PDB file of N, CA and C in Angstrom:
ATOM      1  N   MET A   1     -21.346  14.069   3.500  1.00  0.00           N
ATOM      2  CA  MET A   1     -19.979  13.641   3.227  1.00  0.00           C
ATOM      3  C   MET A   1     -20.153  13.561   1.667  1.00  0.00           C
ATOM      4  N   SER A   2     -19.217  13.962   0.858  1.00  0.00           N
ATOM      5  CA  SER A   2     -19.081  13.753  -0.457  1.00  0.00           C
ATOM      6  C   SER A   2     -18.566  12.412  -0.871  1.00  0.00           C
ATOM      7  N   ALA A   3     -19.014  12.298  -2.259  1.00  0.00           N
ATOM      8  CA  ALA A   3     -18.717  10.896  -2.613  1.00  0.00           C
ATOM      9  C   ALA A   3     -17.187  10.580  -2.617  1.00  0.00           C
ATOM     10  N   LEU A   4     -16.234  11.629  -2.831  1.00  0.00           N
ATOM     11  CA  LEU A   4     -14.876  11.606  -2.939  1.00  0.00           C
ATOM     12  C   LEU A   4     -14.345  11.048  -1.394  1.00  0.00           C
ATOM     13  N   GLN A   5     -15.014  11.890  -0.327  1.00  0.00           N
ATOM     14  CA  GLN A   5     -14.530  11.498   0.996  1.00  0.00           C
ATOM     15  C   GLN A   5     -14.858  10.017   1.353  1.00  0.00           C
ATOM     16  N   LYS A   6     -16.088   9.591   1.102  1.00  0.00           N
ATOM     17  CA  LYS A   6     -16.487   8.357   1.256  1.00  0.00           C
ATOM     18  C   LYS A   6     -15.550   7.540   0.723  1.00  0.00           C
ATOM     19  N   THR A   7     -15.168   7.434  -0.595  1.00  0.00           N
ATOM     20  CA  THR A   7     -14.403   6.547  -1.185  1.00  0.00           C
ATOM     21  C   THR A   7     -12.995   6.559  -0.552  1.00  0.00           C
ATOM     22  N   THR A   8     -12.543   7.890  -0.146  1.00  0.00           N
ATOM     23  CA  THR A   8     -11.222   7.955   0.367  1.00  0.00           C
ATOM     24  C   THR A   8     -11.436   7.133   1.818  1.00  0.00           C
ATOM     25  N   ASP A   9     -12.354   7.238   2.600  1.00  0.00           N
ATOM     26  CA  ASP A   9     -12.536   6.449   3.744  1.00  0.00           C
ATOM     27  C   ASP A   9     -12.658   5.123   3.761  1.00  0.00           C
ATOM     28  N   GLU A  10     -13.274   4.635   2.619  1.00  0.00           N
ATOM     29  CA  GLU A  10     -13.335   3.123   2.300  1.00  0.00           C
ATOM     30  C   GLU A  10     -12.021   2.586   2.019  1.00  0.00           C
ATOM     31  N   ILE A  11     -11.115   3.355   1.297  1.00  0.00           N
ATOM     32  CA  ILE A  11      -9.796   2.921   0.849  1.00  0.00           C
ATOM     33  C   ILE A  11      -8.946   2.972   2.091  1.00  0.00           C
ATOM     34  N   MET A  12      -8.972   3.949   3.034  1.00  0.00           N
ATOM     35  CA  MET A  12      -8.134   3.906   4.139  1.00  0.00           C
ATOM     36  C   MET A  12      -8.632   2.823   5.068  1.00  0.00           C
ATOM     37  N   ASP A  13      -9.961   2.491   5.224  1.00  0.00           N
ATOM     38  CA  ASP A  13     -10.433   1.470   6.027  1.00  0.00           C
ATOM     39  C   ASP A  13      -9.961  -0.017   5.476  1.00  0.00           C
ATOM     40  N   LEU A  14      -9.861  -0.213   4.206  1.00  0.00           N
ATOM     41  CA  LEU A  14      -9.256  -1.415   3.685  1.00  0.00           C
ATOM     42  C   LEU A  14      -8.034  -1.498   3.768  1.00  0.00           C
ATOM     43  N   ALA A  15      -7.337  -0.512   3.772  1.00  0.00           N
ATOM     44  CA  ALA A  15      -5.764  -0.418   3.963  1.00  0.00           C
ATOM     45  C   ALA A  15      -5.428  -0.643   5.497  1.00  0.00           C
ATOM     46  N   ALA A  16      -6.154  -0.236   6.346  1.00  0.00           N
ATOM     47  CA  ALA A  16      -5.907  -0.405   7.767  1.00  0.00           C
ATOM     48  C   ALA A  16      -6.139  -1.861   8.150  1.00  0.00           C
ATOM     49  N   ALA A  17      -7.183  -2.293   7.597  1.00  0.00           N
ATOM     50  CA  ALA A  17      -7.428  -3.945   7.782  1.00  0.00           C
ATOM     51  C   ALA A  17      -6.531  -4.756   7.293  1.00  0.00           C
ATOM     52  N   HIS A  18      -6.112  -4.323   6.095  1.00  0.00           N
ATOM     53  CA  HIS A  18      -5.338  -5.287   5.232  1.00  0.00           C
ATOM     54  C   HIS A  18      -3.800  -5.357   5.868  1.00  0.00           C
ATOM     55  N   PHE A  19      -3.293  -4.090   6.409  1.00  0.00           N
ATOM     56  CA  PHE A  19      -1.959  -4.154   6.940  1.00  0.00           C
ATOM     57  C   PHE A  19      -2.003  -3.920   8.311  1.00  0.00           C
ATOM     58  N   LYS A  20      -3.126  -4.219   9.072  1.00  0.00           N
ATOM     59  CA  LYS A  20      -3.331  -4.191  10.549  1.00  0.00           C
ATOM     60  C   LYS A  20      -2.703  -3.011  11.002  1.00  0.00           C
ATOM     61  N   VAL A  21      -3.075  -1.788  10.552  1.00  0.00           N
ATOM     62  CA  VAL A  21      -2.578  -0.443  11.029  1.00  0.00           C
ATOM     63  C   VAL A  21      -3.773   0.254  11.709  1.00  0.00           C
ATOM     64  N   PRO A  22      -3.549   0.834  12.730  1.00  0.00           N
ATOM     65  CA  PRO A  22      -4.807   1.581  13.375  1.00  0.00           C
ATOM     66  C   PRO A  22      -5.319   2.633  12.281  1.00  0.00           C
ATOM     67  N   ARG A  23      -6.756   2.535  12.084  1.00  0.00           N
ATOM     68  CA  ARG A  23      -7.219   3.513  11.219  1.00  0.00           C
ATOM     69  C   ARG A  23      -6.989   4.951  11.497  1.00  0.00           C
ATOM     70  N   ALA A  24      -7.001   5.320  12.624  1.00  0.00           N
ATOM     71  CA  ALA A  24      -6.971   6.530  13.061  1.00  0.00           C
ATOM     72  C   ALA A  24      -5.571   7.148  12.836  1.00  0.00           C
ATOM     73  N   GLN A  25      -4.429   6.348  12.343  1.00  0.00           N
ATOM     74  CA  GLN A  25      -3.188   6.794  11.914  1.00  0.00           C
ATOM     75  C   GLN A  25      -3.170   7.250  10.495  1.00  0.00           C
ATOM     76  N   LEU A  26      -4.177   6.842   9.772  1.00  0.00           N
ATOM     77  CA  LEU A  26      -4.381   7.200   8.360  1.00  0.00           C
ATOM     78  C   LEU A  26      -4.963   8.501   7.945  1.00  0.00           C
ATOM     79  N   HIS A  27      -4.316   9.197   6.986  1.00  0.00           N
ATOM     80  CA  HIS A  27      -4.924  10.478   6.636  1.00  0.00           C
ATOM     81  C   HIS A  27      -5.126  10.593   5.164  1.00  0.00           C
ATOM     82  N   PRO A  28      -5.962  11.230   4.554  1.00  0.00           N
ATOM     83  CA  PRO A  28      -6.154  11.316   3.020  1.00  0.00           C
ATOM     84  C   PRO A  28      -4.956  11.684   2.364  1.00  0.00           C
ATOM     85  N   ASP A  29      -4.060  12.538   3.014  1.00  0.00           N
ATOM     86  CA  ASP A  29      -2.839  12.872   2.119  1.00  0.00           C
ATOM     87  C   ASP A  29      -1.643  12.184   2.422  1.00  0.00           C
ATOM     88  N   ASP A  30      -1.792  11.165   3.302  1.00  0.00           N
ATOM     89  CA  ASP A  30      -0.564  10.321   3.523  1.00  0.00           C
ATOM     90  C   ASP A  30       0.055   9.563   2.271  1.00  0.00           C
ATOM     91  N   ASP A  31       1.185   9.511   2.196  1.00  0.00           N
ATOM     92  CA  ASP A  31       1.930   8.477   1.126  1.00  0.00           C
ATOM     93  C   ASP A  31       1.730   7.097   1.750  1.00  0.00           C
ATOM     94  N   PHE A  32       0.895   6.275   1.061  1.00  0.00           N
ATOM     95  CA  PHE A  32       0.594   5.097   1.781  1.00  0.00           C
ATOM     96  C   PHE A  32       1.927   4.269   1.669  1.00  0.00           C
ATOM     97  N   PHE A  33       2.763   4.383   0.897  1.00  0.00           N
ATOM     98  CA  PHE A  33       4.013   3.346   0.940  1.00  0.00           C
ATOM     99  C   PHE A  33       4.767   3.621   2.299  1.00  0.00           C
ATOM    100  N   SER A  34       4.927   4.965   2.580  1.00  0.00           N
ATOM    101  CA  SER A  34       5.645   5.322   3.928  1.00  0.00           C
ATOM    102  C   SER A  34       4.876   5.164   5.060  1.00  0.00           C
ATOM    103  N   ARG A  35       3.540   5.521   5.098  1.00  0.00           N
ATOM    104  CA  ARG A  35       2.724   5.379   6.150  1.00  0.00           C
ATOM    105  C   ARG A  35       2.478   3.944   6.412  1.00  0.00           C
ATOM    106  N   LEU A  36       2.226   3.111   5.496  1.00  0.00           N
ATOM    107  CA  LEU A  36       1.817   1.787   5.758  1.00  0.00           C
ATOM    108  C   LEU A  36       3.163   0.838   5.837  1.00  0.00           C
ATOM    109  N   GLY A  37       4.436   1.426   5.596  1.00  0.00           N
ATOM    110  CA  GLY A  37       5.518   0.657   5.446  1.00  0.00           C
ATOM    111  C   GLY A  37       5.478  -0.541   4.388  1.00  0.00           C
ATOM    112  N   ILE A  38       4.926  -0.236   3.344  1.00  0.00           N
ATOM    113  CA  ILE A  38       4.717  -1.401   2.244  1.00  0.00           C
ATOM    114  C   ILE A  38       5.680  -1.096   1.016  1.00  0.00           C
ATOM    115  N   ASN A  39       5.788  -2.225   0.197  1.00  0.00           N
ATOM    116  CA  ASN A  39       6.656  -2.009  -0.958  1.00  0.00           C
ATOM    117  C   ASN A  39       5.702  -2.253  -2.097  1.00  0.00           C
ATOM    118  N   SER A  40       6.111  -2.088  -3.352  1.00  0.00           N
ATOM    119  CA  SER A  40       5.195  -2.078  -4.628  1.00  0.00           C
ATOM    120  C   SER A  40       4.426  -3.243  -4.715  1.00  0.00           C
ATOM    121  N   LEU A  41       5.020  -4.539  -4.330  1.00  0.00           N
ATOM    122  CA  LEU A  41       4.120  -5.765  -4.422  1.00  0.00           C
ATOM    123  C   LEU A  41       2.968  -5.831  -3.319  1.00  0.00           C
ATOM    124  N   GLN A  42       3.290  -5.171  -2.181  1.00  0.00           N
ATOM    125  CA  GLN A  42       2.107  -5.106  -1.263  1.00  0.00           C
ATOM    126  C   GLN A  42       1.101  -4.155  -1.513  1.00  0.00           C
ATOM    127  N   ALA A  43       1.537  -3.096  -2.249  1.00  0.00           N
ATOM    128  CA  ALA A  43       0.511  -1.925  -2.780  1.00  0.00           C
ATOM    129  C   ALA A  43      -0.404  -2.780  -3.957  1.00  0.00           C
ATOM    130  N   LEU A  44       0.296  -3.536  -4.770  1.00  0.00           N
ATOM    131  CA  LEU A  44      -0.584  -4.074  -5.837  1.00  0.00           C
ATOM    132  C   LEU A  44      -1.390  -5.197  -5.254  1.00  0.00           C
ATOM    133  N   ASP A  45      -1.222  -5.872  -4.080  1.00  0.00           N
ATOM    134  CA  ASP A  45      -2.101  -6.598  -3.327  1.00  0.00           C
ATOM    135  C   ASP A  45      -3.248  -5.776  -2.977  1.00  0.00           C
ATOM    136  N   LEU A  46      -2.891  -4.554  -2.356  1.00  0.00           N
ATOM    137  CA  LEU A  46      -3.892  -3.761  -1.782  1.00  0.00           C
ATOM    138  C   LEU A  46      -4.871  -3.236  -2.904  1.00  0.00           C
ATOM    139  N   LEU A  47      -4.200  -2.843  -4.104  1.00  0.00           N
ATOM    140  CA  LEU A  47      -4.967  -2.354  -5.158  1.00  0.00           C
ATOM    141  C   LEU A  47      -5.914  -3.346  -5.767  1.00  0.00           C
ATOM    142  N   THR A  48      -5.465  -4.631  -5.761  1.00  0.00           N
ATOM    143  CA  THR A  48      -6.389  -5.826  -6.133  1.00  0.00           C
ATOM    144  C   THR A  48      -7.662  -5.756  -5.149  1.00  0.00           C
ATOM    145  N   ARG A  49      -7.495  -5.645  -3.986  1.00  0.00           N
ATOM    146  CA  ARG A  49      -8.495  -5.805  -3.015  1.00  0.00           C
ATOM    147  C   ARG A  49      -9.370  -4.490  -3.296  1.00  0.00           C
ATOM    148  N   ILE A  50      -8.913  -3.332  -3.501  1.00  0.00           N
ATOM    149  CA  ILE A  50      -9.636  -2.048  -3.702  1.00  0.00           C
ATOM    150  C   ILE A  50     -10.419  -2.311  -4.995  1.00  0.00           C
ATOM    151  N   GLU A  51      -9.868  -2.935  -6.042  1.00  0.00           N
ATOM    152  CA  GLU A  51     -10.660  -3.126  -7.186  1.00  0.00           C
ATOM    153  C   GLU A  51     -11.748  -4.056  -7.069  1.00  0.00           C
ATOM    154  N   GLN A  52     -11.653  -4.969  -6.203  1.00  0.00           N
ATOM    155  CA  GLN A  52     -12.635  -6.094  -5.981  1.00  0.00           C
ATOM    156  C   GLN A  52     -13.810  -5.339  -5.012  1.00  0.00           C
ATOM    157  N   HIS A  53     -13.315  -4.608  -4.143  1.00  0.00           N
ATOM    158  CA  HIS A  53     -14.236  -3.793  -3.180  1.00  0.00           C
ATOM    159  C   HIS A  53     -15.181  -2.957  -4.097  1.00  0.00           C
ATOM    160  N   PHE A  54     -14.593  -2.113  -5.016  1.00  0.00           N
ATOM    161  CA  PHE A  54     -15.405  -1.138  -5.797  1.00  0.00           C
ATOM    162  C   PHE A  54     -15.893  -1.515  -7.138  1.00  0.00           C
ATOM    163  N   LYS A  55     -15.585  -3.005  -7.336  1.00  0.00           N
ATOM    164  CA  LYS A  55     -15.895  -3.712  -8.610  1.00  0.00           C
ATOM    165  C   LYS A  55     -15.616  -2.769  -9.898  1.00  0.00           C
ATOM    166  N   ILE A  56     -14.241  -2.445  -9.915  1.00  0.00           N
ATOM    167  CA  ILE A  56     -13.811  -1.661 -10.993  1.00  0.00           C
ATOM    168  C   ILE A  56     -12.417  -2.333 -11.317  1.00  0.00           C
ATOM    169  N   GLU A  57     -11.848  -1.843 -12.600  1.00  0.00           N
ATOM    170  CA  GLU A  57     -10.539  -1.995 -12.915  1.00  0.00           C
ATOM    171  C   GLU A  57      -9.788  -0.766 -13.091  1.00  0.00           C
ATOM    172  N   LEU A  58      -8.657  -0.641 -12.588  1.00  0.00           N
ATOM    173  CA  LEU A  58      -7.861   0.453 -12.753  1.00  0.00           C
ATOM    174  C   LEU A  58      -6.495   0.135 -13.579  1.00  0.00           C
ATOM    175  N   PRO A  59      -6.525   0.709 -14.556  1.00  0.00           N
ATOM    176  CA  PRO A  59      -5.410   0.447 -15.547  1.00  0.00           C
ATOM    177  C   PRO A  59      -3.984   0.962 -14.983  1.00  0.00           C
ATOM    178  N   ASP A  60      -2.973   0.224 -15.292  1.00  0.00           N
ATOM    179  CA  ASP A  60      -1.688   0.766 -14.542  1.00  0.00           C
ATOM    180  C   ASP A  60      -1.409   2.310 -14.888  1.00  0.00           C
ATOM    181  N   TYR A  61      -1.440   2.581 -16.080  1.00  0.00           N
ATOM    182  CA  TYR A  61      -1.287   4.017 -16.449  1.00  0.00           C
ATOM    183  C   TYR A  61      -2.061   5.068 -15.648  1.00  0.00           C
ATOM    184  N   GLU A  62      -3.076   4.803 -15.125  1.00  0.00           N
ATOM    185  CA  GLU A  62      -3.782   5.660 -14.167  1.00  0.00           C
ATOM    186  C   GLU A  62      -3.286   5.654 -12.740  1.00  0.00           C
ATOM    187  N   LEU A  63      -2.465   4.728 -12.451  1.00  0.00           N
ATOM    188  CA  LEU A  63      -1.988   4.717 -11.272  1.00  0.00           C
ATOM    189  C   LEU A  63      -0.399   5.120 -11.133  1.00  0.00           C
ATOM    190  N   GLN A  64       0.133   5.439 -12.121  1.00  0.00           N
ATOM    191  CA  GLN A  64       1.539   5.861 -12.176  1.00  0.00           C
ATOM    192  C   GLN A  64       1.605   7.214 -11.391  1.00  0.00           C
ATOM    193  N   GLY A  65       2.597   7.132 -10.397  1.00  0.00           N
ATOM    194  CA  GLY A  65       2.831   8.370  -9.593  1.00  0.00           C
ATOM    195  C   GLY A  65       1.841   8.535  -8.507  1.00  0.00           C
ATOM    196  N   VAL A  66       0.744   7.842  -8.164  1.00  0.00           N
ATOM    197  CA  VAL A  66      -0.132   7.942  -7.188  1.00  0.00           C
ATOM    198  C   VAL A  66       0.180   7.191  -6.016  1.00  0.00           C
ATOM    199  N   SER A  67       0.461   8.000  -4.904  1.00  0.00           N
ATOM    200  CA  SER A  67       0.807   7.483  -3.651  1.00  0.00           C
ATOM    201  C   SER A  67       0.143   7.891  -2.482  1.00  0.00           C
ATOM    202  N   ASP A  68      -0.905   8.771  -2.612  1.00  0.00           N
ATOM    203  CA  ASP A  68      -1.643   8.960  -1.543  1.00  0.00           C
ATOM    204  C   ASP A  68      -3.060   8.716  -1.642  1.00  0.00           C
ATOM    205  N   PHE A  69      -3.666   8.542  -0.593  1.00  0.00           N
ATOM    206  CA  PHE A  69      -5.079   8.003  -0.670  1.00  0.00           C
ATOM    207  C   PHE A  69      -6.038   8.794  -1.299  1.00  0.00           C
ATOM    208  N   ARG A  70      -5.924  10.026  -1.042  1.00  0.00           N
ATOM    209  CA  ARG A  70      -6.847  10.984  -1.811  1.00  0.00           C
ATOM    210  C   ARG A  70      -6.827  10.908  -3.293  1.00  0.00           C
ATOM    211  N   THR A  71      -5.647  10.924  -3.949  1.00  0.00           N
ATOM    212  CA  THR A  71      -5.408  10.840  -5.385  1.00  0.00           C
ATOM    213  C   THR A  71      -5.903   9.374  -5.918  1.00  0.00           C
ATOM    214  N   LEU A  72      -5.788   8.349  -5.051  1.00  0.00           N
ATOM    215  CA  LEU A  72      -6.100   7.200  -5.434  1.00  0.00           C
ATOM    216  C   LEU A  72      -7.762   7.043  -5.316  1.00  0.00           C
ATOM    217  N   ALA A  73      -8.352   7.780  -4.412  1.00  0.00           N
ATOM    218  CA  ALA A  73      -9.816   7.867  -4.507  1.00  0.00           C
ATOM    219  C   ALA A  73     -10.461   8.758  -5.632  1.00  0.00           C
ATOM    220  N   GLU A  74      -9.614   9.681  -5.946  1.00  0.00           N
ATOM    221  CA  GLU A  74      -9.990  10.464  -7.290  1.00  0.00           C
ATOM    222  C   GLU A  74     -10.045   9.563  -8.427  1.00  0.00           C
ATOM    223  N   ARG A  75      -8.963   8.629  -8.663  1.00  0.00           N
ATOM    224  CA  ARG A  75      -8.987   7.856  -9.931  1.00  0.00           C
ATOM    225  C   ARG A  75     -10.133   6.907  -9.895  1.00  0.00           C
ATOM    226  N   ILE A  76     -10.307   6.396  -8.546  1.00  0.00           N
ATOM    227  CA  ILE A  76     -11.347   5.267  -8.423  1.00  0.00           C
ATOM    228  C   ILE A  76     -12.678   5.997  -8.586  1.00  0.00           C
ATOM    229  N   GLN A  77     -13.004   7.103  -8.266  1.00  0.00           N
ATOM    230  CA  GLN A  77     -14.217   7.883  -8.346  1.00  0.00           C
ATOM    231  C   GLN A  77     -14.399   8.101  -9.989  1.00  0.00           C
ATOM    232  N   SER A  78     -13.345   8.402 -10.837  1.00  0.00           N
ATOM    233  CA  SER A  78     -13.637   8.633 -12.196  1.00  0.00           C
ATOM    234  C   SER A  78     -14.024   7.390 -12.884  1.00  0.00           C
ATOM    235  N   ARG A  79     -13.833   6.169 -12.278  1.00  0.00           N
ATOM    236  CA  ARG A  79     -14.314   4.864 -12.823  1.00  0.00           C
ATOM    237  C   ARG A  79     -15.626   4.326 -12.256  1.00  0.00           C
ATOM    238  N   LEU A  80     -16.277   5.015 -11.435  1.00  0.00           N
ATOM    239  CA  LEU A  80     -17.651   4.669 -10.738  1.00  0.00           C
ATOM    240  C   LEU A  80     -18.718   5.160 -11.514  1.00  0.00           C
TER     241      LEU A  80
END
């Protein structure tokens, strides 16, 4: 398993646990807003948890237009 796949899986695990969604329903290319049924405030809450989990800080400009798990994982990988 590549580092990107591992990061993507960890993000989806965190999202599933946080929003109480079955993990099996989440896929790397899913739009997390529609798949999780969340708004931007809930997404920020999830991002805070993700940043704490990976011990990184993601600047807002890096997250502009990011709405799927795989792209989010790519941005996180660039910070690790």
